[in-house]
């Protein structure tokens, strides 16, 4: 999967002209060894994060796990809470993120692999999962400015990093996921631009952002409508749901489902012998129910030279 994933990254850079231009300019700016190290490390972190998200879906199977407890169950008793990012551009954030949603992906044993809770009031997400390396239950958070927050046992505190949401890097993951899940990539890119224009972080919550972006009409657009078969069916005890089945060879059984309020409720992926992703099946399920997320107070951690790299990338985007 690692080799195939790297090929995906290379393919996306070739297909995306603006990204290719960005990397070319970055290479010129990164003449010093320290800057080149930062670029390699950033790409490695983004790649691992995106690969984990895709693997959770395509290597899983459908399950029916449900856990409405969005409390900070893995936080130390002494944890203090603060959500300073919410004070930045609050009205625009709350206008974009309008509903609470619980998002679940499933593993092969039909148990919840990752359960994410999005709180529209806090504009923040909490994710509960089992660390595959240690076997321990862990919790992480992402706030509205794209800070990834997790507890550091060695330092005895929560740390946060905005590395994954820097310009350019923040566009890589949703692009790759849109391609892997057979979503209308044009709609995903349009939303990227709209987020930027509104001063929002770009896809800070990754696949949990999709309910606030994708609607049935995106699948009916004349540019992509021949890639899907649309039918009406019941779902979750209600009539009038809309299902878009993917028609591409090797994706038989894959579909995207919306409820009778045109809200995204399922992304079901079944792929076989895909040149980029191999074979696998799984599902992301979206449940629109009340969630409460309390963001732990955290200390920001930066890689050496991160501010310099961010400034260079921001200046490039302004020029483009």
Protein backbone atom coordinates (compact mmCIF):
# COMPACT_ATOMS: atom_id res chain seq x y z
CA UNK A 1 0.00 0.00 0.00
CA UNK A 2 2.89 2.36 0.79
CA UNK A 3 4.37 2.03 -2.71
CA UNK A 4 0.99 2.45 -4.34
CA UNK A 5 0.28 5.46 -2.15
CA UNK A 6 3.45 7.19 -3.26
CA UNK A 7 2.41 6.58 -6.86
CA UNK A 8 -0.91 8.29 -6.08
CA UNK A 9 0.92 11.34 -4.79
CA UNK A 10 3.05 11.47 -7.92
CA UNK A 11 0.02 11.10 -10.17
CA UNK A 12 -1.88 13.86 -8.41
CA UNK A 13 1.04 16.23 -8.73
CA UNK A 14 1.22 15.52 -12.47
CA UNK A 15 -2.51 16.06 -12.96
CA UNK A 16 -2.77 19.17 -10.82
CA UNK A 17 -0.96 21.99 -12.62
CA UNK A 18 -1.14 24.44 -9.76
CA UNK A 19 0.29 21.90 -7.35
CA UNK A 20 3.10 21.12 -9.77
CA UNK A 21 3.91 24.81 -10.07
CA UNK A 22 3.87 25.10 -6.31
CA UNK A 23 6.36 22.29 -5.84
CA UNK A 24 8.63 23.68 -8.56
CA UNK A 25 8.75 27.05 -6.85
CA UNK A 26 9.20 25.46 -3.46
CA UNK A 27 12.20 23.52 -4.70
CA UNK A 28 13.83 26.75 -5.83
CA UNK A 29 13.19 28.33 -2.44
CA UNK A 30 14.37 25.26 -0.55
CA UNK A 31 18.00 25.37 -1.56
CA UNK A 32 19.29 24.99 1.96
CA UNK A 33 19.39 21.51 3.44
CA UNK A 34 17.20 22.44 6.41
CA UNK A 35 14.35 23.57 4.19
CA UNK A 36 14.59 20.44 2.05
CA UNK A 37 14.34 18.37 5.21
CA UNK A 38 11.17 20.21 6.23
CA UNK A 39 9.58 19.61 2.85
CA UNK A 40 10.33 15.89 2.97
CA UNK A 41 9.06 15.59 6.53
CA UNK A 42 5.86 17.50 5.76
CA UNK A 43 5.13 15.29 2.75
CA UNK A 44 5.77 12.21 4.90
CA UNK A 45 3.33 13.34 7.60
CA UNK A 46 0.59 14.25 5.11
CA UNK A 47 1.09 10.99 3.23
CA UNK A 48 0.80 8.88 6.38
CA UNK A 49 -2.31 10.76 7.54
CA UNK A 50 -4.07 10.46 4.18
CA UNK A 51 -3.05 6.82 3.71
CA UNK A 52 -4.47 5.96 7.14
CA UNK A 53 -7.81 7.61 6.28
CA UNK A 54 -8.10 5.81 2.94
CA UNK A 55 -7.03 2.47 4.43
CA UNK A 56 -9.69 2.78 7.13
CA UNK A 57 -12.27 2.72 4.36
CA UNK A 58 -11.01 0.50 1.54
CA UNK A 59 -9.62 -2.17 3.85
CA UNK A 60 -12.64 -2.29 6.12
CA UNK A 61 -16.06 -3.90 5.98
CA UNK A 62 -19.50 -2.63 6.83
CA UNK A 63 -20.45 -2.71 10.47
CA UNK A 64 -23.11 -1.23 12.68
CA UNK A 65 -21.16 0.04 15.66
CA UNK A 66 -22.68 3.02 17.42
CA UNK A 67 -21.17 5.12 20.19
CA UNK A 68 -22.80 8.41 21.09
CA UNK A 69 -20.38 9.16 23.90
CA UNK A 70 -18.30 12.08 22.64
CA UNK A 71 -16.88 12.84 26.09
CA UNK A 72 -13.14 13.20 26.53
CA UNK A 73 -12.83 9.67 27.94
CA UNK A 74 -9.09 9.32 27.29
CA UNK A 75 -8.13 12.70 28.76
CA UNK A 76 -6.25 12.93 32.08
CA UNK A 77 -8.37 14.10 34.99
CA UNK A 78 -6.32 17.30 35.27
CA UNK A 79 -7.00 18.35 31.66
CA UNK A 80 -7.96 21.98 31.09
CA UNK A 81 -9.97 23.02 28.06
CA UNK A 82 -9.61 25.96 25.69
CA UNK A 83 -10.66 26.58 22.10
CA UNK A 84 -8.88 29.79 21.04
CA UNK A 85 -9.24 29.09 17.30
CA UNK A 86 -12.99 29.57 17.53
CA UNK A 87 -12.44 33.28 18.16
CA UNK A 88 -10.96 33.66 14.67
CA UNK A 89 -13.55 34.35 11.95
CA UNK A 90 -16.27 32.78 14.12
CA UNK A 91 -19.30 33.86 12.09
CA UNK A 92 -17.91 32.50 8.82
CA UNK A 93 -16.99 29.18 10.45
CA UNK A 94 -20.43 28.67 11.97
CA UNK A 95 -22.14 29.68 8.74
CA UNK A 96 -20.18 26.96 6.91
CA UNK A 97 -20.39 24.20 9.53
CA UNK A 98 -24.10 24.01 10.33
CA UNK A 99 -24.70 20.58 11.92
CA UNK A 100 -23.26 18.18 14.44
CA UNK A 101 -22.26 14.86 12.89
CA UNK A 102 -20.83 11.56 14.07
CA UNK A 103 -18.69 9.84 11.46
CA UNK A 104 -17.74 6.19 11.66
CA UNK A 105 -15.51 3.93 9.57
CA UNK A 106 -15.35 0.18 10.04
CA UNK A 107 -12.66 -2.45 10.27
CA UNK A 108 -12.67 -6.09 9.11
CA UNK A 109 -14.18 -7.38 12.36
CA UNK A 110 -17.18 -5.08 11.94
CA UNK A 111 -16.19 -2.99 14.92
CA UNK A 112 -15.78 0.76 14.83
CA UNK A 113 -12.22 1.56 13.77
CA UNK A 114 -12.43 5.33 14.08
CA UNK A 115 -15.36 7.30 15.49
CA UNK A 116 -15.21 11.05 14.92
CA UNK A 117 -17.51 13.56 16.55
CA UNK A 118 -17.96 16.99 14.98
CA UNK A 119 -19.44 19.75 17.14
CA UNK A 120 -20.78 22.65 15.03
CA UNK A 121 -20.89 25.00 18.04
CA UNK A 122 -17.24 24.39 18.90
CA UNK A 123 -16.31 23.92 15.22
CA UNK A 124 -14.04 21.13 16.38
CA UNK A 125 -13.68 17.38 15.97
CA UNK A 126 -12.78 14.59 18.37
CA UNK A 127 -11.63 11.20 17.08
CA UNK A 128 -11.51 8.01 19.15
CA UNK A 129 -9.54 5.03 17.86
CA UNK A 130 -7.25 2.17 18.77
CA UNK A 131 -3.58 2.83 18.20
CA UNK A 132 -2.57 -0.04 15.90
CA UNK A 133 1.00 0.01 17.23
CA UNK A 134 0.26 -0.03 20.96
CA UNK A 135 -3.26 -1.47 21.03
CA UNK A 136 -4.32 1.36 23.36
CA UNK A 137 -7.43 3.49 23.04
CA UNK A 138 -6.50 7.05 22.04
CA UNK A 139 -8.24 10.34 21.34
CA UNK A 140 -7.15 13.25 19.17
CA UNK A 141 -8.72 16.56 18.19
CA UNK A 142 -8.74 19.01 15.30
CA UNK A 143 -9.91 22.59 15.76
CA UNK A 144 -11.32 25.09 13.28
CA UNK A 145 -7.90 26.50 12.32
CA UNK A 146 -6.63 23.05 11.43
CA UNK A 147 -4.57 22.39 14.54
CA UNK A 148 -4.10 18.67 15.25
CA UNK A 149 -4.16 18.16 19.03
CA UNK A 150 -3.00 15.05 20.89
CA UNK A 151 -1.70 14.12 24.33
CA UNK A 152 2.04 13.63 24.75
CA UNK A 153 2.65 11.17 27.57
CA UNK A 154 6.36 11.99 27.78
CA UNK A 155 5.73 15.71 28.24
CA UNK A 156 2.52 15.20 30.24
CA UNK A 157 0.60 17.73 28.16
CA UNK A 158 -1.47 18.21 25.04
CA UNK A 159 0.48 19.47 22.05
CA UNK A 160 -0.90 20.93 18.83
CA UNK A 161 0.50 21.36 15.33
CA UNK A 162 -0.78 23.13 12.23
CA UNK A 163 1.68 21.39 9.93
CA UNK A 164 -1.00 19.42 8.06
CA UNK A 165 -3.04 22.53 7.27
CA UNK A 166 -0.35 24.65 5.65
CA UNK A 167 -1.05 26.01 2.13
CA UNK A 168 -0.63 23.34 -0.53
CA UNK A 169 -0.40 20.48 1.94
CA UNK A 170 -3.99 21.03 3.06
CA UNK A 171 -5.20 20.44 -0.52
CA UNK A 172 -3.44 17.11 -1.00
CA UNK A 173 -5.55 14.90 1.30
CA UNK A 174 -9.05 15.89 0.05
CA UNK A 175 -7.86 15.60 -3.56
CA UNK A 176 -6.60 12.09 -2.98
CA UNK A 177 -9.68 11.02 -1.03
CA UNK A 178 -11.99 12.38 -3.71
CA UNK A 179 -10.16 10.31 -6.30
CA UNK A 180 -10.12 7.17 -4.15
CA UNK A 181 -13.79 7.36 -3.18
CA UNK A 182 -14.97 8.32 -6.70
CA UNK A 183 -16.45 11.64 -5.61
CA UNK A 184 -16.96 14.67 -7.91
CA UNK A 185 -13.47 16.15 -7.60
CA UNK A 186 -14.57 19.39 -9.27
CA UNK A 187 -16.97 20.08 -6.41
CA UNK A 188 -14.20 19.38 -3.90
CA UNK A 189 -11.90 21.90 -5.60
CA UNK A 190 -14.65 24.52 -5.81
CA UNK A 191 -15.20 24.17 -2.08
CA UNK A 192 -11.45 24.60 -1.51
CA UNK A 193 -11.56 27.96 -3.25
CA UNK A 194 -14.67 29.01 -1.37
CA UNK A 195 -13.08 28.08 1.96
CA UNK A 196 -10.03 30.15 1.10
CA UNK A 197 -12.15 33.11 0.01
CA UNK A 198 -14.07 33.01 3.29
CA UNK A 199 -10.85 32.88 5.29
CA UNK A 200 -11.48 29.34 6.52
CA UNK A 201 -8.97 26.57 7.00
CA UNK A 202 -9.06 24.29 3.94
CA UNK A 203 -10.58 20.88 4.73
CA UNK A 204 -9.25 20.84 8.30
CA UNK A 205 -11.48 17.86 9.15
CA UNK A 206 -10.69 15.88 5.96
CA UNK A 207 -13.49 13.36 5.15
CA UNK A 208 -15.62 14.86 7.94
CA UNK A 209 -15.76 18.02 5.80
CA UNK A 210 -17.55 16.19 2.97
CA UNK A 211 -21.10 16.51 4.43
CA UNK A 212 -20.71 20.28 4.28
CA UNK A 213 -19.53 20.20 0.66
CA UNK A 214 -21.24 17.43 -1.31
CA UNK A 215 -24.88 17.48 -2.42
CA UNK A 216 -26.81 15.30 -4.90
CA UNK A 217 -26.65 17.98 -7.61
CA UNK A 218 -22.86 17.65 -7.72
CA UNK A 219 -23.33 14.08 -8.96
CA UNK A 220 -25.90 15.24 -11.53
CA UNK A 221 -23.56 17.77 -13.12
CA UNK A 222 -23.23 17.11 -16.84
CA UNK A 223 -19.46 16.77 -16.50
CA UNK A 224 -19.72 13.73 -14.20
CA UNK A 225 -23.29 12.43 -14.35
CA UNK A 226 -22.32 9.61 -16.76
CA UNK A 227 -20.09 8.19 -14.01
CA UNK A 228 -23.05 7.34 -11.77
CA UNK A 229 -26.46 5.68 -11.85
CA UNK A 230 -29.05 7.51 -9.73
CA UNK A 231 -31.98 5.79 -8.04
CA UNK A 232 -34.38 6.55 -5.20
CA UNK A 233 -34.58 4.16 -2.25
CA UNK A 234 -35.33 4.02 1.46
CA UNK A 235 -32.56 4.39 4.02
CA UNK A 236 -32.42 4.46 7.81
CA UNK A 237 -36.17 4.04 8.06
CA UNK A 238 -37.06 6.89 5.69
CA UNK A 239 -38.21 7.05 2.08
CA UNK A 240 -36.83 9.30 -0.62
CA UNK A 241 -33.11 8.73 -0.20
CA UNK A 242 -30.88 9.20 -3.26
CA UNK A 243 -28.24 6.64 -4.21
CA UNK A 244 -25.51 7.25 -6.79
CA UNK A 245 -23.88 3.97 -7.84
CA UNK A 246 -20.37 4.22 -9.28
CA UNK A 247 -20.23 2.83 -12.83
CA UNK A 248 -16.48 2.60 -13.27
CA UNK A 249 -15.14 -0.91 -13.86
CA UNK A 250 -13.55 -2.35 -10.75
CA UNK A 251 -15.85 -0.32 -8.48
CA UNK A 252 -18.94 -2.53 -8.72
CA UNK A 253 -20.98 -2.19 -5.54
CA UNK A 254 -19.57 1.27 -4.70
CA UNK A 255 -22.07 4.04 -4.06
CA UNK A 256 -22.71 7.38 -2.37
CA UNK A 257 -25.97 7.78 -0.47
CA UNK A 258 -27.92 10.90 0.57
CA UNK A 259 -30.96 10.99 2.86
CA UNK A 260 -34.29 12.65 2.03
CA UNK A 261 -32.87 15.96 3.26
CA UNK A 262 -30.02 15.72 0.73
CA UNK A 263 -27.48 15.09 3.49
CA UNK A 264 -24.55 12.75 2.87
CA UNK A 265 -25.08 9.56 4.89
CA UNK A 266 -22.80 6.92 3.33
CA UNK A 267 -19.74 6.54 1.15
CA UNK A 268 -19.46 2.85 0.31
CA UNK A 269 -16.32 1.70 -1.49
CA UNK A 270 -15.74 -1.68 -3.14
CA UNK A 271 -12.74 -1.86 -5.44
CA UNK A 272 -10.97 -4.71 -7.13
CA UNK A 273 -7.48 -4.76 -8.63
CA UNK A 274 -7.25 -0.98 -8.72
CA UNK A 275 -3.86 0.10 -10.09
CA UNK A 276 -3.46 2.68 -7.31
CA UNK A 277 -5.29 1.24 -4.32
CA UNK A 278 -5.42 -2.52 -4.87
CA UNK A 279 -8.56 -4.33 -3.66
CA UNK A 280 -10.77 -3.75 -0.64
CA UNK A 281 -14.12 -2.60 0.61
CA UNK A 282 -15.52 -0.52 3.42
CA UNK A 283 -17.84 2.30 4.37
CA UNK A 284 -17.87 5.75 5.95
CA UNK A 285 -21.19 6.47 7.66
CA UNK A 286 -22.46 9.90 8.70
CA UNK A 287 -25.00 10.29 11.51
CA UNK A 288 -26.56 13.69 12.18
CA UNK A 289 -26.91 13.75 15.94
CA UNK A 290 -25.85 15.97 18.78
CA UNK A 291 -22.15 15.89 19.64
CA UNK A 292 -20.21 17.76 22.28
CA UNK A 293 -16.49 18.30 21.83
CA UNK A 294 -14.33 19.96 24.47
CA UNK A 295 -10.96 20.95 23.04
CA UNK A 296 -8.04 20.49 25.46
CA UNK A 297 -5.76 23.43 26.07
CA UNK A 298 -2.59 22.64 24.14
CA UNK A 299 0.94 23.90 23.58
CA UNK A 300 1.83 24.58 19.95
CA UNK A 301 4.80 22.65 18.61
CA UNK A 302 6.59 23.59 15.40
CA UNK A 303 9.28 21.96 13.33
CA UNK A 304 12.49 23.94 12.88
CA UNK A 305 11.92 26.35 10.00
CA UNK A 306 8.16 25.75 9.81
CA UNK A 307 7.27 29.46 9.94
CA UNK A 308 9.73 30.19 7.12
CA UNK A 309 8.26 27.45 4.98
CA UNK A 310 4.69 28.61 5.65
CA UNK A 311 5.58 32.19 4.73
CA UNK A 312 7.14 31.04 1.47
CA UNK A 313 4.14 28.92 0.55
CA UNK A 314 1.70 31.73 1.37
CA UNK A 315 3.64 34.16 -0.82
CA UNK A 316 3.56 31.69 -3.69
CA UNK A 317 -0.20 31.36 -3.48
CA UNK A 318 -0.62 35.12 -3.42
CA UNK A 319 1.48 35.38 -6.59
CA UNK A 320 -0.62 32.65 -8.29
